[in-house]
Amino acid sequence: MKKSFGEFIRELREKQGMPLRKVAAFVDIDSSTLSKIERGERFANKELIPALSEILDISQHDLLLCLLSDTVAESLIYESNSDEILKVAEEKIKYLQSKNYEQGKLSFE
């Protein structure tokens, strides 16, 4: 999944022969906003995922993966040590998830 989120949804929309305005109306945004998202001039937000998933007939998981990976890639694109940063971030995520899980098990009896 090397394509950007915008390129990905444009490809899906065009494969299904749907006009931009139809998809934009379904997800309740302006056609110009969707066009900017598709061209990479504007970022989409997570709230669009359920409706885009439904109209483009693709899983929410795949759309969210593409969207969030764009966010990560954008923040690291100009860093010379992006691979190292990603490895450290992965470890931090695991740590924070385990920490939150442990806190969720606390009992206040």
C-alpha atoms as a PDB file:
ATOM      1  CA  MET A   1       0.000   0.000   0.000  1.00  0.00           C
ATOM      2  CA  LYS A   2       2.438   2.601  -1.239  1.00  0.00           C
ATOM      3  CA  LYS A   3      -0.186   4.993  -2.533  1.00  0.00           C
ATOM      4  CA  SER A   4      -1.319   7.924  -0.469  1.00  0.00           C
ATOM      5  CA  PHE A   5      -4.768   7.831   1.100  1.00  0.00           C
ATOM      6  CA  GLY A   6      -6.068  10.282  -1.485  1.00  0.00           C
ATOM      7  CA  GLU A   7      -4.652   8.313  -4.412  1.00  0.00           C
ATOM      8  CA  PHE A   8      -6.080   5.140  -2.933  1.00  0.00           C
ATOM      9  CA  ILE A   9      -9.632   6.435  -2.570  1.00  0.00           C
ATOM     10  CA  ARG A  10      -9.519   8.077  -6.010  1.00  0.00           C
ATOM     11  CA  GLU A  11      -8.497   4.758  -7.544  1.00  0.00           C
ATOM     12  CA  LEU A  12     -11.320   2.935  -5.736  1.00  0.00           C
ATOM     13  CA  ARG A  13     -13.856   5.572  -6.755  1.00  0.00           C
ATOM     14  CA  GLU A  14     -12.783   5.534 -10.392  1.00  0.00           C
ATOM     15  CA  LYS A  15     -12.754   1.711 -10.586  1.00  0.00           C
ATOM     16  CA  GLN A  16     -16.385   1.767  -9.502  1.00  0.00           C
ATOM     17  CA  GLY A  17     -17.218   4.519 -11.971  1.00  0.00           C
ATOM     18  CA  MET A  18     -18.513   6.856  -9.299  1.00  0.00           C
ATOM     19  CA  PRO A  19     -18.365  10.600  -9.797  1.00  0.00           C
ATOM     20  CA  LEU A  20     -16.590  12.664  -7.182  1.00  0.00           C
ATOM     21  CA  ARG A  21     -19.779  14.519  -6.283  1.00  0.00           C
ATOM     22  CA  LYS A  22     -21.635  11.277  -5.474  1.00  0.00           C
ATOM     23  CA  VAL A  23     -18.950  10.083  -3.057  1.00  0.00           C
ATOM     24  CA  ALA A  24     -18.620  13.556  -1.527  1.00  0.00           C
ATOM     25  CA  ALA A  25     -22.379  13.761  -0.966  1.00  0.00           C
ATOM     26  CA  PHE A  26     -22.442  10.307   0.607  1.00  0.00           C
ATOM     27  CA  VAL A  27     -19.692  11.182   3.105  1.00  0.00           C
ATOM     28  CA  ASP A  28     -21.245  14.623   3.639  1.00  0.00           C
ATOM     29  CA  ILE A  29     -18.370  16.846   2.493  1.00  0.00           C
ATOM     30  CA  ASP A  30     -17.972  19.307  -0.382  1.00  0.00           C
ATOM     31  CA  SER A  31     -16.809  17.936  -3.711  1.00  0.00           C
ATOM     32  CA  SER A  32     -13.917  20.399  -3.611  1.00  0.00           C
ATOM     33  CA  THR A  33     -12.813  19.044  -0.227  1.00  0.00           C
ATOM     34  CA  LEU A  34     -12.842  15.462  -1.498  1.00  0.00           C
ATOM     35  CA  SER A  35     -10.961  16.548  -4.603  1.00  0.00           C
ATOM     36  CA  LYS A  36      -8.277  18.169  -2.440  1.00  0.00           C
ATOM     37  CA  ILE A  37      -8.015  14.993  -0.346  1.00  0.00           C
ATOM     38  CA  GLU A  38      -7.602  12.907  -3.480  1.00  0.00           C
ATOM     39  CA  ARG A  39      -4.889  15.259  -4.785  1.00  0.00           C
ATOM     40  CA  GLY A  40      -3.052  15.270  -1.451  1.00  0.00           C
ATOM     41  CA  GLU A  41      -3.712  18.947  -0.821  1.00  0.00           C
ATOM     42  CA  ARG A  42      -5.751  18.264   2.294  1.00  0.00           C
ATOM     43  CA  PHE A  43      -5.737  15.532   4.927  1.00  0.00           C
ATOM     44  CA  ALA A  44      -8.802  13.442   5.603  1.00  0.00           C
ATOM     45  CA  ASN A  45      -9.960  12.793   9.139  1.00  0.00           C
ATOM     46  CA  LYS A  46     -10.891   9.490  10.728  1.00  0.00           C
ATOM     47  CA  GLU A  47     -14.570  10.419  10.858  1.00  0.00           C
ATOM     48  CA  LEU A  48     -14.803   9.910   7.069  1.00  0.00           C
ATOM     49  CA  ILE A  49     -13.667   6.282   7.254  1.00  0.00           C
ATOM     50  CA  PRO A  50     -17.020   4.538   7.974  1.00  0.00           C
ATOM     51  CA  ALA A  51     -18.870   6.288   5.137  1.00  0.00           C
ATOM     52  CA  LEU A  52     -15.983   5.921   2.673  1.00  0.00           C
ATOM     53  CA  SER A  53     -15.753   2.253   3.591  1.00  0.00           C
ATOM     54  CA  GLU A  54     -19.411   1.755   2.840  1.00  0.00           C
ATOM     55  CA  ILE A  55     -19.589   3.588  -0.470  1.00  0.00           C
ATOM     56  CA  LEU A  56     -16.235   2.340  -1.788  1.00  0.00           C
ATOM     57  CA  ASP A  57     -16.881  -1.215  -0.595  1.00  0.00           C
ATOM     58  CA  ILE A  58     -13.621  -1.625   1.290  1.00  0.00           C
ATOM     59  CA  SER A  59     -12.900  -2.458   4.899  1.00  0.00           C
ATOM     60  CA  GLN A  60     -12.595   0.307   7.450  1.00  0.00           C
ATOM     61  CA  HIS A  61      -9.406  -1.397   8.605  1.00  0.00           C
ATOM     62  CA  ASP A  62      -7.719  -0.980   5.214  1.00  0.00           C
ATOM     63  CA  LEU A  63      -8.805   2.643   4.874  1.00  0.00           C
ATOM     64  CA  LEU A  64      -7.664   3.514   8.385  1.00  0.00           C
ATOM     65  CA  LEU A  65      -4.343   1.777   7.833  1.00  0.00           C
ATOM     66  CA  CYS A  66      -3.756   3.829   4.698  1.00  0.00           C
ATOM     67  CA  LEU A  67      -4.833   7.088   6.359  1.00  0.00           C
ATOM     68  CA  LEU A  68      -2.759   6.683   9.522  1.00  0.00           C
ATOM     69  CA  SER A  69       0.303   5.464   7.636  1.00  0.00           C
ATOM     70  CA  ASP A  70       0.158   8.716   5.630  1.00  0.00           C
ATOM     71  CA  THR A  71       0.272  10.655   8.892  1.00  0.00           C
ATOM     72  CA  VAL A  72       3.333   8.758  10.089  1.00  0.00           C
ATOM     73  CA  ALA A  73       5.074   8.988   6.715  1.00  0.00           C
ATOM     74  CA  GLU A  74       4.448  12.738   6.503  1.00  0.00           C
ATOM     75  CA  SER A  75       5.965  13.345   9.908  1.00  0.00           C
ATOM     76  CA  LEU A  76       9.117  11.321   9.119  1.00  0.00           C
ATOM     77  CA  ILE A  77       9.698  11.944   5.425  1.00  0.00           C
ATOM     78  CA  TYR A  78      12.579  14.373   5.918  1.00  0.00           C
ATOM     79  CA  GLU A  79      14.231  12.601   8.838  1.00  0.00           C
ATOM     80  CA  SER A  80      17.459  10.792   7.977  1.00  0.00           C
ATOM     81  CA  ASN A  81      16.908   8.169  10.676  1.00  0.00           C
ATOM     82  CA  SER A  82      13.250   7.359  10.019  1.00  0.00           C
ATOM     83  CA  ASP A  83      13.798   3.584  10.290  1.00  0.00           C
ATOM     84  CA  GLU A  84      15.291   3.983  13.748  1.00  0.00           C
ATOM     85  CA  ILE A  85      12.497   6.333  14.811  1.00  0.00           C
ATOM     86  CA  LEU A  86       9.883   3.805  13.681  1.00  0.00           C
ATOM     87  CA  LYS A  87      11.545   1.022  15.669  1.00  0.00           C
ATOM     88  CA  VAL A  88      11.638   3.138  18.826  1.00  0.00           C
ATOM     89  CA  ALA A  89       8.043   4.248  18.277  1.00  0.00           C
ATOM     90  CA  GLU A  90       6.954   0.621  17.920  1.00  0.00           C
ATOM     91  CA  GLU A  91       8.547  -0.211  21.257  1.00  0.00           C
ATOM     92  CA  LYS A  92       6.910   2.815  22.877  1.00  0.00           C
ATOM     93  CA  ILE A  93       3.528   1.769  21.522  1.00  0.00           C
ATOM     94  CA  LYS A  94       3.936  -1.705  22.979  1.00  0.00           C
ATOM     95  CA  TYR A  95       4.994  -0.217  26.324  1.00  0.00           C
ATOM     96  CA  LEU A  96       2.100   2.245  26.442  1.00  0.00           C
ATOM     97  CA  GLN A  97      -0.411  -0.413  25.433  1.00  0.00           C
ATOM     98  CA  SER A  98       0.797  -2.748  28.171  1.00  0.00           C
ATOM     99  CA  LYS A  99       0.793   0.089  30.693  1.00  0.00           C
ATOM    100  CA  ASN A 100      -2.777   1.057  29.773  1.00  0.00           C
ATOM    101  CA  TYR A 101      -3.827  -2.583  29.897  1.00  0.00           C
ATOM    102  CA  GLU A 102      -2.352  -2.987  33.366  1.00  0.00           C
ATOM    103  CA  GLN A 103      -4.106   0.178  34.557  1.00  0.00           C
ATOM    104  CA  GLY A 104      -7.373  -1.175  33.158  1.00  0.00           C
ATOM    105  CA  LYS A 105      -7.032  -4.217  35.420  1.00  0.00           C
ATOM    106  CA  LEU A 106      -6.867  -2.178  38.607  1.00  0.00           C
ATOM    107  CA  SER A 107      -9.613  -2.841  41.104  1.00  0.00           C
ATOM    108  CA  PHE A 108     -10.911  -0.159  43.428  1.00  0.00           C
ATOM    109  CA  GLU A 109     -12.761  -2.417  45.878  1.00  0.00           C
END
